[in-house]
Amino acid sequence: MLRKLRSCIALLLCAALLSGFVLSLGAGSYDIRFADTAAVLLSKLGLAGPADRMHELIVWDIRMPRLLLACVTGMAMAASGAVYQGCFRNPLVEPYILGVSAGAAWGASLAVVFPLLFPNGQVSAFLFALLAVLLSFFLARTSGETPPVTLVLSGIIVGSLFSAFVGIMKYVSSDTELREITFWMMGGFYYAGWQDVFVTACTVFPCLALLTALAWKLNILSLGDEEARSLGLQPDLCRAAFIVLATLAASVCVSAAGIIAWVGLMMPHAARMLFGPDNRWVIPASGILGALYLLLCDTLARTLTGAEIPLGIVTSIVGAPYLLWLLRAKGRESYGS
């Protein structure tokens, strides 16, 4: 009975995501009717004749890759947040806890200030995000083990260090470069293209598939290291595998979209409220909720005013009150541990 209920909720969430996606295709400063949106999609699928060229340009070339990238990014951030919270047994951690955002920000700022040395901003942001995680692991490794608390603390240290480096880049940059760095750090899908969708999807989906397949081990790992060892698992090895997969998925999205906070914190809690603490359901459900949430936030960001609002501002406006409620009303009880 519980499994059927969970399946029904999952189907409803998928239907909501599909409906929201189709509606978002027609929303924007240039409104397009549903019939015109459907004509473009049917034309691209080979089920109808050529659509209006202007509608095709807006729907297929501009909005479609942007919305797909928003969905993939939301999935990666939310699922990674669920994995981090399970690994660290802490309901208040998210993908940036190991310095992912700070490392990516420094990589992007280097590409802005020194374009000849770092010609591709996304690649630079991705590489420095991974570097931050590796440094966090290196600093936390003691006597052949990686204690979760030490890993979190090392992530905070590395994040602070890379944030200081970003501050140096801002200090030495010109006015134009400073605006570009600041704008990137606010997050958004302004320049999303089909290549971004392809690169992120080819990275994120295999990572999420592996995380979902290994979710039963995360259930055991959430019980504590001693319990995991008694059941035949190696906690350090399992935790490292989960963190590498989650960080890889999150960092490639950060490199493409900039820093978008709160998604990885909020959506896992919403998934647990709907599906319970079983990570076999929580991880994929977090991905669906994250995609739906970021899709709605992106639609609001580009439709609320004449000028587009940076996506990071929209997610933070919603996320800050949520964290306050989580701290005051739920605390650790919302985690189900």
C-alpha atoms as a PDB file:
ATOM      1  CA  MET A   1       0.000   0.000   0.000  1.00  0.00           C
ATOM      2  CA  LEU A   2       2.782   2.427   0.927  1.00  0.00           C
ATOM      3  CA  ARG A   3       4.635   1.600  -2.280  1.00  0.00           C
ATOM      4  CA  LYS A   4       1.532   2.311  -4.373  1.00  0.00           C
ATOM      5  CA  LEU A   5       1.020   5.622  -2.591  1.00  0.00           C
ATOM      6  CA  ARG A   6       4.607   6.623  -3.228  1.00  0.00           C
ATOM      7  CA  SER A   7       4.289   5.626  -6.880  1.00  0.00           C
ATOM      8  CA  CYS A   8       1.141   7.737  -7.261  1.00  0.00           C
ATOM      9  CA  ILE A   9       2.848  10.765  -5.691  1.00  0.00           C
ATOM     10  CA  ALA A  10       5.860  10.288  -7.966  1.00  0.00           C
ATOM     11  CA  LEU A  11       3.615  10.145 -11.047  1.00  0.00           C
ATOM     12  CA  LEU A  12       1.819  13.315  -9.949  1.00  0.00           C
ATOM     13  CA  LEU A  13       5.153  15.102  -9.511  1.00  0.00           C
ATOM     14  CA  CYS A  14       6.280  14.003 -12.981  1.00  0.00           C
ATOM     15  CA  ALA A  15       2.981  15.214 -14.444  1.00  0.00           C
ATOM     16  CA  ALA A  16       3.394  18.558 -12.646  1.00  0.00           C
ATOM     17  CA  LEU A  17       6.945  18.888 -13.984  1.00  0.00           C
ATOM     18  CA  LEU A  18       5.840  18.156 -17.558  1.00  0.00           C
ATOM     19  CA  SER A  19       2.913  20.563 -17.319  1.00  0.00           C
ATOM     20  CA  GLY A  20       5.063  23.293 -15.810  1.00  0.00           C
ATOM     21  CA  PHE A  21       7.668  22.797 -18.522  1.00  0.00           C
ATOM     22  CA  VAL A  22       5.147  23.194 -21.339  1.00  0.00           C
ATOM     23  CA  LEU A  23       3.568  26.267 -19.733  1.00  0.00           C
ATOM     24  CA  SER A  24       7.000  27.841 -19.142  1.00  0.00           C
ATOM     25  CA  LEU A  25       7.812  27.491 -22.837  1.00  0.00           C
ATOM     26  CA  GLY A  26       5.086  30.015 -23.623  1.00  0.00           C
ATOM     27  CA  ALA A  27       5.787  32.390 -20.718  1.00  0.00           C
ATOM     28  CA  GLY A  28       8.097  35.362 -21.024  1.00  0.00           C
ATOM     29  CA  SER A  29       8.385  38.909 -22.278  1.00  0.00           C
ATOM     30  CA  TYR A  30       7.182  37.595 -25.647  1.00  0.00           C
ATOM     31  CA  ASP A  31       4.010  35.620 -24.881  1.00  0.00           C
ATOM     32  CA  ILE A  32       3.323  32.646 -27.113  1.00  0.00           C
ATOM     33  CA  ARG A  33       0.023  30.804 -27.161  1.00  0.00           C
ATOM     34  CA  PHE A  34      -0.107  27.138 -26.229  1.00  0.00           C
ATOM     35  CA  ALA A  35      -1.203  26.227 -29.772  1.00  0.00           C
ATOM     36  CA  ASP A  36       1.847  27.987 -31.236  1.00  0.00           C
ATOM     37  CA  THR A  37       4.152  26.262 -28.716  1.00  0.00           C
ATOM     38  CA  ALA A  38       2.628  22.899 -29.604  1.00  0.00           C
ATOM     39  CA  ALA A  39       3.065  23.660 -33.320  1.00  0.00           C
ATOM     40  CA  VAL A  40       6.791  24.272 -32.816  1.00  0.00           C
ATOM     41  CA  LEU A  41       7.249  21.064 -30.811  1.00  0.00           C
ATOM     42  CA  LEU A  42       5.264  18.963 -33.301  1.00  0.00           C
ATOM     43  CA  SER A  43       7.252  20.472 -36.163  1.00  0.00           C
ATOM     44  CA  LYS A  44      10.559  19.556 -34.512  1.00  0.00           C
ATOM     45  CA  LEU A  45       9.309  16.017 -33.900  1.00  0.00           C
ATOM     46  CA  GLY A  46       8.363  15.669 -37.563  1.00  0.00           C
ATOM     47  CA  LEU A  47       4.646  15.349 -36.794  1.00  0.00           C
ATOM     48  CA  ALA A  48       3.576  18.619 -38.432  1.00  0.00           C
ATOM     49  CA  GLY A  49       4.672  21.123 -41.048  1.00  0.00           C
ATOM     50  CA  PRO A  50       7.031  24.064 -40.506  1.00  0.00           C
ATOM     51  CA  ALA A  51       6.087  26.425 -37.668  1.00  0.00           C
ATOM     52  CA  ASP A  52       6.351  30.195 -37.556  1.00  0.00           C
ATOM     53  CA  ARG A  53      10.046  31.123 -37.715  1.00  0.00           C
ATOM     54  CA  MET A  54       9.840  33.659 -34.860  1.00  0.00           C
ATOM     55  CA  HIS A  55       8.023  31.187 -32.614  1.00  0.00           C
ATOM     56  CA  GLU A  56      10.552  28.486 -33.487  1.00  0.00           C
ATOM     57  CA  LEU A  57      13.457  30.776 -32.638  1.00  0.00           C
ATOM     58  CA  ILE A  58      12.021  31.741 -29.255  1.00  0.00           C
ATOM     59  CA  VAL A  59      10.614  28.359 -28.193  1.00  0.00           C
ATOM     60  CA  TRP A  60      13.219  25.946 -29.566  1.00  0.00           C
ATOM     61  CA  ASP A  61      16.447  27.928 -29.752  1.00  0.00           C
ATOM     62  CA  ILE A  62      16.110  30.144 -26.663  1.00  0.00           C
ATOM     63  CA  ARG A  63      13.609  28.814 -24.132  1.00  0.00           C
ATOM     64  CA  MET A  64      13.893  25.058 -24.649  1.00  0.00           C
ATOM     65  CA  PRO A  65      17.630  24.737 -23.823  1.00  0.00           C
ATOM     66  CA  ARG A  66      17.237  27.209 -20.969  1.00  0.00           C
ATOM     67  CA  LEU A  67      14.389  25.276 -19.356  1.00  0.00           C
ATOM     68  CA  LEU A  68      16.094  21.924 -19.906  1.00  0.00           C
ATOM     69  CA  LEU A  69      19.254  23.238 -18.268  1.00  0.00           C
ATOM     70  CA  ALA A  70      17.174  24.559 -15.360  1.00  0.00           C
ATOM     71  CA  CYS A  71      15.588  21.131 -14.879  1.00  0.00           C
ATOM     72  CA  VAL A  72      18.902  19.257 -15.079  1.00  0.00           C
ATOM     73  CA  THR A  73      20.515  21.730 -12.660  1.00  0.00           C
ATOM     74  CA  GLY A  74      17.616  21.436 -10.223  1.00  0.00           C
ATOM     75  CA  MET A  75      17.854  17.642 -10.341  1.00  0.00           C
ATOM     76  CA  ALA A  76      21.594  17.667  -9.712  1.00  0.00           C
ATOM     77  CA  MET A  77      21.488  20.183  -6.860  1.00  0.00           C
ATOM     78  CA  ALA A  78      18.559  18.572  -5.048  1.00  0.00           C
ATOM     79  CA  ALA A  79      19.741  14.971  -5.413  1.00  0.00           C
ATOM     80  CA  SER A  80      23.257  15.974  -4.372  1.00  0.00           C
ATOM     81  CA  GLY A  81      21.812  17.708  -1.318  1.00  0.00           C
ATOM     82  CA  ALA A  82      19.974  14.524  -0.348  1.00  0.00           C
ATOM     83  CA  VAL A  83      23.203  12.536  -0.682  1.00  0.00           C
ATOM     84  CA  TYR A  84      25.208  15.024   1.373  1.00  0.00           C
ATOM     85  CA  GLN A  85      22.619  15.082   4.135  1.00  0.00           C
ATOM     86  CA  GLY A  86      22.594  11.291   4.238  1.00  0.00           C
ATOM     87  CA  CYS A  87      26.389  11.007   4.239  1.00  0.00           C
ATOM     88  CA  PHE A  88      26.923  13.569   6.999  1.00  0.00           C
ATOM     89  CA  ARG A  89      23.721  12.743   8.914  1.00  0.00           C
ATOM     90  CA  ASN A  90      23.089  16.476   9.019  1.00  0.00           C
ATOM     91  CA  PRO A  91      19.874  18.041   7.644  1.00  0.00           C
ATOM     92  CA  LEU A  92      21.468  21.446   7.104  1.00  0.00           C
ATOM     93  CA  VAL A  93      24.217  20.632   4.593  1.00  0.00           C
ATOM     94  CA  GLU A  94      24.030  21.090   0.826  1.00  0.00           C
ATOM     95  CA  PRO A  95      26.333  20.578  -2.205  1.00  0.00           C
ATOM     96  CA  TYR A  96      28.383  23.668  -1.425  1.00  0.00           C
ATOM     97  CA  ILE A  97      29.550  22.384   1.954  1.00  0.00           C
ATOM     98  CA  LEU A  98      32.885  21.147   0.552  1.00  0.00           C
ATOM     99  CA  GLY A  99      33.692  24.439  -1.183  1.00  0.00           C
ATOM    100  CA  VAL A 100      32.104  23.664  -4.565  1.00  0.00           C
ATOM    101  CA  SER A 101      30.581  27.123  -5.013  1.00  0.00           C
ATOM    102  CA  ALA A 102      33.654  29.025  -3.819  1.00  0.00           C
ATOM    103  CA  GLY A 103      35.974  26.965  -6.026  1.00  0.00           C
ATOM    104  CA  ALA A 104      33.733  27.436  -9.058  1.00  0.00           C
ATOM    105  CA  ALA A 105      33.483  31.170  -8.363  1.00  0.00           C
ATOM    106  CA  TRP A 106      37.265  31.504  -8.286  1.00  0.00           C
ATOM    107  CA  GLY A 107      37.603  29.533 -11.522  1.00  0.00           C
ATOM    108  CA  ALA A 108      35.032  31.743 -13.220  1.00  0.00           C
ATOM    109  CA  SER A 109      36.647  34.934 -11.921  1.00  0.00           C
ATOM    110  CA  LEU A 110      40.055  33.793 -13.218  1.00  0.00           C
ATOM    111  CA  ALA A 111      38.507  33.285 -16.665  1.00  0.00           C
ATOM    112  CA  VAL A 112      37.067  36.812 -16.549  1.00  0.00           C
ATOM    113  CA  VAL A 113      40.242  38.573 -15.376  1.00  0.00           C
ATOM    114  CA  PHE A 114      42.767  36.398 -17.280  1.00  0.00           C
ATOM    115  CA  PRO A 115      40.939  35.245 -20.438  1.00  0.00           C
ATOM    116  CA  LEU A 116      44.178  34.309 -22.222  1.00  0.00           C
ATOM    117  CA  LEU A 117      45.201  31.857 -19.498  1.00  0.00           C
ATOM    118  CA  PHE A 118      41.660  30.562 -18.873  1.00  0.00           C
ATOM    119  CA  PRO A 119      39.782  30.900 -22.188  1.00  0.00           C
ATOM    120  CA  ASN A 120      36.716  28.852 -21.165  1.00  0.00           C
ATOM    121  CA  GLY A 121      34.912  30.091 -18.061  1.00  0.00           C
ATOM    122  CA  GLN A 122      32.755  26.973 -17.612  1.00  0.00           C
ATOM    123  CA  VAL A 123      35.691  24.586 -17.813  1.00  0.00           C
ATOM    124  CA  SER A 124      37.675  26.746 -15.405  1.00  0.00           C
ATOM    125  CA  ALA A 125      34.798  26.891 -12.919  1.00  0.00           C
ATOM    126  CA  PHE A 126      34.288  23.128 -13.139  1.00  0.00           C
ATOM    127  CA  LEU A 127      37.971  22.287 -12.612  1.00  0.00           C
ATOM    128  CA  PHE A 128      38.389  24.586  -9.623  1.00  0.00           C
ATOM    129  CA  ALA A 129      35.173  23.262  -8.056  1.00  0.00           C
ATOM    130  CA  LEU A 130      36.635  19.747  -8.215  1.00  0.00           C
ATOM    131  CA  LEU A 131      39.947  21.075  -6.903  1.00  0.00           C
ATOM    132  CA  ALA A 132      38.161  22.514  -3.869  1.00  0.00           C
ATOM    133  CA  VAL A 133      36.608  19.122  -3.097  1.00  0.00           C
ATOM    134  CA  LEU A 134      39.935  17.326  -3.460  1.00  0.00           C
ATOM    135  CA  LEU A 135      41.564  19.820  -1.094  1.00  0.00           C
ATOM    136  CA  SER A 136      38.774  19.282   1.419  1.00  0.00           C
ATOM    137  CA  PHE A 137      39.362  15.529   1.279  1.00  0.00           C
ATOM    138  CA  PHE A 138      43.119  15.971   1.608  1.00  0.00           C
ATOM    139  CA  LEU A 139      42.810  18.228   4.660  1.00  0.00           C
ATOM    140  CA  ALA A 140      40.258  15.960   6.359  1.00  0.00           C
ATOM    141  CA  ARG A 141      42.172  12.707   5.820  1.00  0.00           C
ATOM    142  CA  THR A 142      43.798  11.573   9.062  1.00  0.00           C
ATOM    143  CA  SER A 143      45.207   8.130   9.919  1.00  0.00           C
ATOM    144  CA  GLY A 144      43.623   6.571   6.863  1.00  0.00           C
ATOM    145  CA  GLU A 145      40.114   7.779   7.747  1.00  0.00           C
ATOM    146  CA  THR A 146      37.919  10.743   6.825  1.00  0.00           C
ATOM    147  CA  PRO A 147      35.646  11.647   9.749  1.00  0.00           C
ATOM    148  CA  PRO A 148      32.433  13.439   8.582  1.00  0.00           C
ATOM    149  CA  VAL A 149      32.817  16.314  11.054  1.00  0.00           C
ATOM    150  CA  THR A 150      36.421  16.920   9.990  1.00  0.00           C
ATOM    151  CA  LEU A 151      35.396  16.804   6.342  1.00  0.00           C
ATOM    152  CA  VAL A 152      32.712  19.443   6.898  1.00  0.00           C
ATOM    153  CA  LEU A 153      35.146  21.677   8.774  1.00  0.00           C
ATOM    154  CA  SER A 154      37.786  21.297   6.075  1.00  0.00           C
ATOM    155  CA  GLY A 155      35.148  22.183   3.475  1.00  0.00           C
ATOM    156  CA  ILE A 156      34.357  25.376   5.368  1.00  0.00           C
ATOM    157  CA  ILE A 157      38.070  26.230   5.509  1.00  0.00           C
ATOM    158  CA  VAL A 158      38.602  25.578   1.805  1.00  0.00           C
ATOM    159  CA  GLY A 159      35.450  27.530   0.934  1.00  0.00           C
ATOM    160  CA  SER A 160      36.665  30.507   2.946  1.00  0.00           C
ATOM    161  CA  LEU A 161      40.069  30.334   1.278  1.00  0.00           C
ATOM    162  CA  PHE A 162      38.618  30.289  -2.233  1.00  0.00           C
ATOM    163  CA  SER A 163      36.196  33.081  -1.304  1.00  0.00           C
ATOM    164  CA  ALA A 164      39.207  35.176  -0.319  1.00  0.00           C
ATOM    165  CA  PHE A 165      40.749  34.437  -3.720  1.00  0.00           C
ATOM    166  CA  VAL A 166      37.535  35.624  -5.377  1.00  0.00           C
ATOM    167  CA  GLY A 167      37.798  38.811  -3.338  1.00  0.00           C
ATOM    168  CA  ILE A 168      41.321  39.340  -4.696  1.00  0.00           C
ATOM    169  CA  MET A 169      40.055  38.888  -8.251  1.00  0.00           C
ATOM    170  CA  LYS A 170      37.346  41.470  -7.620  1.00  0.00           C
ATOM    171  CA  TYR A 171      39.922  43.867  -6.207  1.00  0.00           C
ATOM    172  CA  VAL A 172      42.250  43.678  -9.217  1.00  0.00           C
ATOM    173  CA  SER A 173      39.509  43.553 -11.881  1.00  0.00           C
ATOM    174  CA  SER A 174      38.230  46.448 -13.921  1.00  0.00           C
ATOM    175  CA  ASP A 175      34.698  47.813 -13.553  1.00  0.00           C
ATOM    176  CA  THR A 176      33.437  45.724 -16.467  1.00  0.00           C
ATOM    177  CA  GLU A 177      35.115  42.563 -15.180  1.00  0.00           C
ATOM    178  CA  LEU A 178      33.799  43.191 -11.666  1.00  0.00           C
ATOM    179  CA  ARG A 179      30.248  43.439 -12.979  1.00  0.00           C
ATOM    180  CA  GLU A 180      30.694  40.219 -14.943  1.00  0.00           C
ATOM    181  CA  ILE A 181      32.021  38.314 -11.913  1.00  0.00           C
ATOM    182  CA  THR A 182      29.238  39.608  -9.688  1.00  0.00           C
ATOM    183  CA  PHE A 183      26.592  38.802 -12.303  1.00  0.00           C
ATOM    184  CA  TRP A 184      27.874  35.226 -12.700  1.00  0.00           C
ATOM    185  CA  MET A 185      27.865  34.657  -8.947  1.00  0.00           C
ATOM    186  CA  MET A 186      24.168  35.607  -8.818  1.00  0.00           C
ATOM    187  CA  GLY A 187      23.352  32.575 -10.973  1.00  0.00           C
ATOM    188  CA  GLY A 188      21.092  32.216 -13.974  1.00  0.00           C
ATOM    189  CA  PHE A 189      20.526  30.588 -17.351  1.00  0.00           C
ATOM    190  CA  TYR A 190      20.834  33.702 -19.519  1.00  0.00           C
ATOM    191  CA  TYR A 191      23.239  32.194 -22.045  1.00  0.00           C
ATOM    192  CA  ALA A 192      22.046  28.579 -21.959  1.00  0.00           C
ATOM    193  CA  GLY A 193      22.477  26.708 -25.211  1.00  0.00           C
ATOM    194  CA  TRP A 194      22.087  23.179 -26.499  1.00  0.00           C
ATOM    195  CA  GLN A 195      25.767  22.438 -25.890  1.00  0.00           C
ATOM    196  CA  ASP A 196      25.354  23.306 -22.193  1.00  0.00           C
ATOM    197  CA  VAL A 197      22.358  20.982 -21.988  1.00  0.00           C
ATOM    198  CA  PHE A 198      24.263  18.156 -23.649  1.00  0.00           C
ATOM    199  CA  VAL A 199      27.358  18.472 -21.436  1.00  0.00           C
ATOM    200  CA  THR A 200      25.441  18.744 -18.164  1.00  0.00           C
ATOM    201  CA  ALA A 201      22.958  15.990 -19.027  1.00  0.00           C
ATOM    202  CA  CYS A 202      25.715  13.567 -20.060  1.00  0.00           C
ATOM    203  CA  THR A 203      27.368  14.154 -16.674  1.00  0.00           C
ATOM    204  CA  VAL A 204      24.397  14.501 -14.353  1.00  0.00           C
ATOM    205  CA  PHE A 205      22.183  11.616 -15.458  1.00  0.00           C
ATOM    206  CA  PRO A 206      24.826   8.855 -15.101  1.00  0.00           C
ATOM    207  CA  CYS A 207      25.756  10.264 -11.661  1.00  0.00           C
ATOM    208  CA  LEU A 208      22.123  10.332 -10.526  1.00  0.00           C
ATOM    209  CA  ALA A 209      21.535   6.828 -11.869  1.00  0.00           C
ATOM    210  CA  LEU A 210      24.488   5.491  -9.868  1.00  0.00           C
ATOM    211  CA  LEU A 211      23.432   7.385  -6.744  1.00  0.00           C
ATOM    212  CA  THR A 212      19.914   5.965  -6.990  1.00  0.00           C
ATOM    213  CA  ALA A 213      21.224   2.449  -7.565  1.00  0.00           C
ATOM    214  CA  LEU A 214      23.481   2.744  -4.493  1.00  0.00           C
ATOM    215  CA  ALA A 215      20.859   4.448  -2.317  1.00  0.00           C
ATOM    216  CA  TRP A 216      20.414   1.346  -0.167  1.00  0.00           C
ATOM    217  CA  LYS A 217      24.014   1.737   0.972  1.00  0.00           C
ATOM    218  CA  LEU A 218      23.281   5.343   1.903  1.00  0.00           C
ATOM    219  CA  ASN A 219      20.434   4.070   4.097  1.00  0.00           C
ATOM    220  CA  ILE A 220      22.936   1.926   5.970  1.00  0.00           C
ATOM    221  CA  LEU A 221      25.521   4.698   6.074  1.00  0.00           C
ATOM    222  CA  SER A 222      22.943   7.027   7.632  1.00  0.00           C
ATOM    223  CA  LEU A 223      22.779   4.729  10.655  1.00  0.00           C
ATOM    224  CA  GLY A 224      26.365   5.583  11.625  1.00  0.00           C
ATOM    225  CA  ASP A 225      29.827   4.240  10.890  1.00  0.00           C
ATOM    226  CA  GLU A 226      29.788   1.517  13.552  1.00  0.00           C
ATOM    227  CA  GLU A 227      26.470   0.134  12.354  1.00  0.00           C
ATOM    228  CA  ALA A 228      27.653   0.272   8.752  1.00  0.00           C
ATOM    229  CA  ARG A 229      30.813  -1.682   9.584  1.00  0.00           C
ATOM    230  CA  SER A 230      28.791  -4.298  11.448  1.00  0.00           C
ATOM    231  CA  LEU A 231      26.687  -4.771   8.291  1.00  0.00           C
ATOM    232  CA  GLY A 232      29.740  -5.264   6.081  1.00  0.00           C
ATOM    233  CA  LEU A 233      30.149  -1.780   4.555  1.00  0.00           C
ATOM    234  CA  GLN A 234      33.296   0.316   4.507  1.00  0.00           C
ATOM    235  CA  PRO A 235      32.007   3.765   5.606  1.00  0.00           C
ATOM    236  CA  ASP A 236      34.934   5.823   4.315  1.00  0.00           C
ATOM    237  CA  LEU A 237      34.924   4.181   0.892  1.00  0.00           C
ATOM    238  CA  CYS A 238      31.145   4.444   0.525  1.00  0.00           C
ATOM    239  CA  ARG A 239      31.084   8.044   1.715  1.00  0.00           C
ATOM    240  CA  ALA A 240      33.863   8.992  -0.697  1.00  0.00           C
ATOM    241  CA  ALA A 241      32.014   7.393  -3.628  1.00  0.00           C
ATOM    242  CA  PHE A 242      28.762   9.193  -2.793  1.00  0.00           C
ATOM    243  CA  ILE A 243      30.475  12.556  -2.323  1.00  0.00           C
ATOM    244  CA  VAL A 244      32.467  12.268  -5.568  1.00  0.00           C
ATOM    245  CA  LEU A 245      29.356  11.425  -7.610  1.00  0.00           C
ATOM    246  CA  ALA A 246      27.249  14.125  -5.950  1.00  0.00           C
ATOM    247  CA  THR A 247      29.966  16.762  -6.277  1.00  0.00           C
ATOM    248  CA  LEU A 248      30.602  15.902  -9.925  1.00  0.00           C
ATOM    249  CA  ALA A 249      26.910  16.369 -10.738  1.00  0.00           C
ATOM    250  CA  ALA A 250      26.675  19.613  -8.765  1.00  0.00           C
ATOM    251  CA  SER A 251      29.935  21.151  -9.977  1.00  0.00           C
ATOM    252  CA  VAL A 252      29.193  20.719 -13.688  1.00  0.00           C
ATOM    253  CA  CYS A 253      25.884  22.524 -13.167  1.00  0.00           C
ATOM    254  CA  VAL A 254      27.511  25.305 -11.146  1.00  0.00           C
ATOM    255  CA  SER A 255      30.024  25.823 -13.939  1.00  0.00           C
ATOM    256  CA  ALA A 256      27.175  26.268 -16.446  1.00  0.00           C
ATOM    257  CA  ALA A 257      24.653  28.242 -14.380  1.00  0.00           C
ATOM    258  CA  GLY A 258      26.620  30.032 -11.670  1.00  0.00           C
ATOM    259  CA  ILE A 259      25.884  29.851  -7.956  1.00  0.00           C
ATOM    260  CA  ILE A 260      22.271  28.911  -7.207  1.00  0.00           C
ATOM    261  CA  ALA A 261      21.763  28.341  -3.499  1.00  0.00           C
ATOM    262  CA  TRP A 262      19.131  26.624  -1.339  1.00  0.00           C
ATOM    263  CA  VAL A 263      17.886  24.050  -3.865  1.00  0.00           C
ATOM    264  CA  GLY A 264      20.067  21.326  -2.387  1.00  0.00           C
ATOM    265  CA  LEU A 265      18.945  22.239   1.116  1.00  0.00           C
ATOM    266  CA  MET A 266      15.184  22.548   0.686  1.00  0.00           C
ATOM    267  CA  MET A 267      14.180  19.851  -1.792  1.00  0.00           C
ATOM    268  CA  PRO A 268      15.525  16.803   0.133  1.00  0.00           C
ATOM    269  CA  HIS A 269      13.412  17.824   3.134  1.00  0.00           C
ATOM    270  CA  ALA A 270      10.328  18.193   0.938  1.00  0.00           C
ATOM    271  CA  ALA A 271      11.040  14.741  -0.530  1.00  0.00           C
ATOM    272  CA  ARG A 272      11.300  13.187   2.956  1.00  0.00           C
ATOM    273  CA  MET A 273       8.004  14.756   3.963  1.00  0.00           C
ATOM    274  CA  LEU A 274       6.338  13.091   0.959  1.00  0.00           C
ATOM    275  CA  PHE A 275       8.181   9.766   0.772  1.00  0.00           C
ATOM    276  CA  GLY A 276       9.738   9.161   4.186  1.00  0.00           C
ATOM    277  CA  PRO A 277      13.444   8.681   5.020  1.00  0.00           C
ATOM    278  CA  ASP A 278      14.186   5.844   2.537  1.00  0.00           C
ATOM    279  CA  ASN A 279      16.892   7.230   0.252  1.00  0.00           C
ATOM    280  CA  ARG A 280      15.856   4.878  -2.538  1.00  0.00           C
ATOM    281  CA  TRP A 281      12.844   7.173  -2.908  1.00  0.00           C
ATOM    282  CA  VAL A 282      14.305  10.385  -1.521  1.00  0.00           C
ATOM    283  CA  ILE A 283      17.104  10.764  -4.090  1.00  0.00           C
ATOM    284  CA  PRO A 284      14.958  10.485  -7.264  1.00  0.00           C
ATOM    285  CA  ALA A 285      12.096  12.412  -5.633  1.00  0.00           C
ATOM    286  CA  SER A 286      14.498  15.201  -4.664  1.00  0.00           C
ATOM    287  CA  GLY A 287      15.626  15.342  -8.287  1.00  0.00           C
ATOM    288  CA  ILE A 288      12.061  15.729  -9.569  1.00  0.00           C
ATOM    289  CA  LEU A 289      11.194  18.346  -6.946  1.00  0.00           C
ATOM    290  CA  GLY A 290      14.443  20.217  -7.621  1.00  0.00           C
ATOM    291  CA  ALA A 291      13.718  20.323 -11.351  1.00  0.00           C
ATOM    292  CA  LEU A 292      10.171  21.571 -10.738  1.00  0.00           C
ATOM    293  CA  TYR A 293      11.285  24.166  -8.193  1.00  0.00           C
ATOM    294  CA  LEU A 294      14.094  25.597 -10.310  1.00  0.00           C
ATOM    295  CA  LEU A 295      11.848  25.609 -13.380  1.00  0.00           C
ATOM    296  CA  LEU A 296       9.265  27.700 -11.517  1.00  0.00           C
ATOM    297  CA  CYS A 297      11.915  30.018 -10.051  1.00  0.00           C
ATOM    298  CA  ASP A 298      13.456  30.605 -13.474  1.00  0.00           C
ATOM    299  CA  THR A 299      10.037  31.369 -14.950  1.00  0.00           C
ATOM    300  CA  LEU A 300       9.381  33.881 -12.179  1.00  0.00           C
ATOM    301  CA  ALA A 301      12.819  35.430 -12.637  1.00  0.00           C
ATOM    302  CA  ARG A 302      12.145  36.251 -16.287  1.00  0.00           C
ATOM    303  CA  THR A 303       8.446  37.186 -16.038  1.00  0.00           C
ATOM    304  CA  LEU A 304       7.991  39.168 -12.793  1.00  0.00           C
ATOM    305  CA  THR A 305       9.524  42.367 -14.174  1.00  0.00           C
ATOM    306  CA  GLY A 306      10.557  43.783 -17.516  1.00  0.00           C
ATOM    307  CA  ALA A 307      14.207  43.147 -16.701  1.00  0.00           C
ATOM    308  CA  GLU A 308      15.246  39.617 -15.721  1.00  0.00           C
ATOM    309  CA  ILE A 309      15.985  39.017 -12.038  1.00  0.00           C
ATOM    310  CA  PRO A 310      19.098  36.897 -11.277  1.00  0.00           C
ATOM    311  CA  LEU A 311      17.929  33.413 -10.382  1.00  0.00           C
ATOM    312  CA  GLY A 312      20.066  33.219  -7.237  1.00  0.00           C
ATOM    313  CA  ILE A 313      18.117  36.143  -5.782  1.00  0.00           C
ATOM    314  CA  VAL A 314      14.775  34.398  -6.347  1.00  0.00           C
ATOM    315  CA  THR A 315      15.908  31.106  -4.801  1.00  0.00           C
ATOM    316  CA  SER A 316      17.452  32.923  -1.812  1.00  0.00           C
ATOM    317  CA  ILE A 317      14.274  34.913  -1.131  1.00  0.00           C
ATOM    318  CA  VAL A 318      12.386  31.633  -0.829  1.00  0.00           C
ATOM    319  CA  GLY A 319      15.198  29.674   0.824  1.00  0.00           C
ATOM    320  CA  ALA A 320      16.032  31.986   3.733  1.00  0.00           C
ATOM    321  CA  PRO A 321      12.553  31.847   5.332  1.00  0.00           C
ATOM    322  CA  TYR A 322      12.526  28.092   4.776  1.00  0.00           C
ATOM    323  CA  LEU A 323      15.789  27.663   6.679  1.00  0.00           C
ATOM    324  CA  LEU A 324      14.444  29.795   9.519  1.00  0.00           C
ATOM    325  CA  TRP A 325      11.344  27.622   9.706  1.00  0.00           C
ATOM    326  CA  LEU A 326      13.464  24.481   9.568  1.00  0.00           C
ATOM    327  CA  LEU A 327      15.658  25.639  12.451  1.00  0.00           C
ATOM    328  CA  ARG A 328      12.810  26.818  14.678  1.00  0.00           C
ATOM    329  CA  ALA A 329      10.010  24.371  13.961  1.00  0.00           C
ATOM    330  CA  LYS A 330      11.525  21.103  12.800  1.00  0.00           C
ATOM    331  CA  GLY A 331      15.214  20.905  13.633  1.00  0.00           C
ATOM    332  CA  ARG A 332      16.571  17.408  13.267  1.00  0.00           C
ATOM    333  CA  GLU A 333      13.102  15.858  13.418  1.00  0.00           C
ATOM    334  CA  SER A 334      12.521  16.795   9.777  1.00  0.00           C
ATOM    335  CA  TYR A 335      15.428  14.561   8.831  1.00  0.00           C
ATOM    336  CA  GLY A 336      13.757  11.473  10.201  1.00  0.00           C
ATOM    337  CA  SER A 337      16.836  10.195  12.043  1.00  0.00           C
END
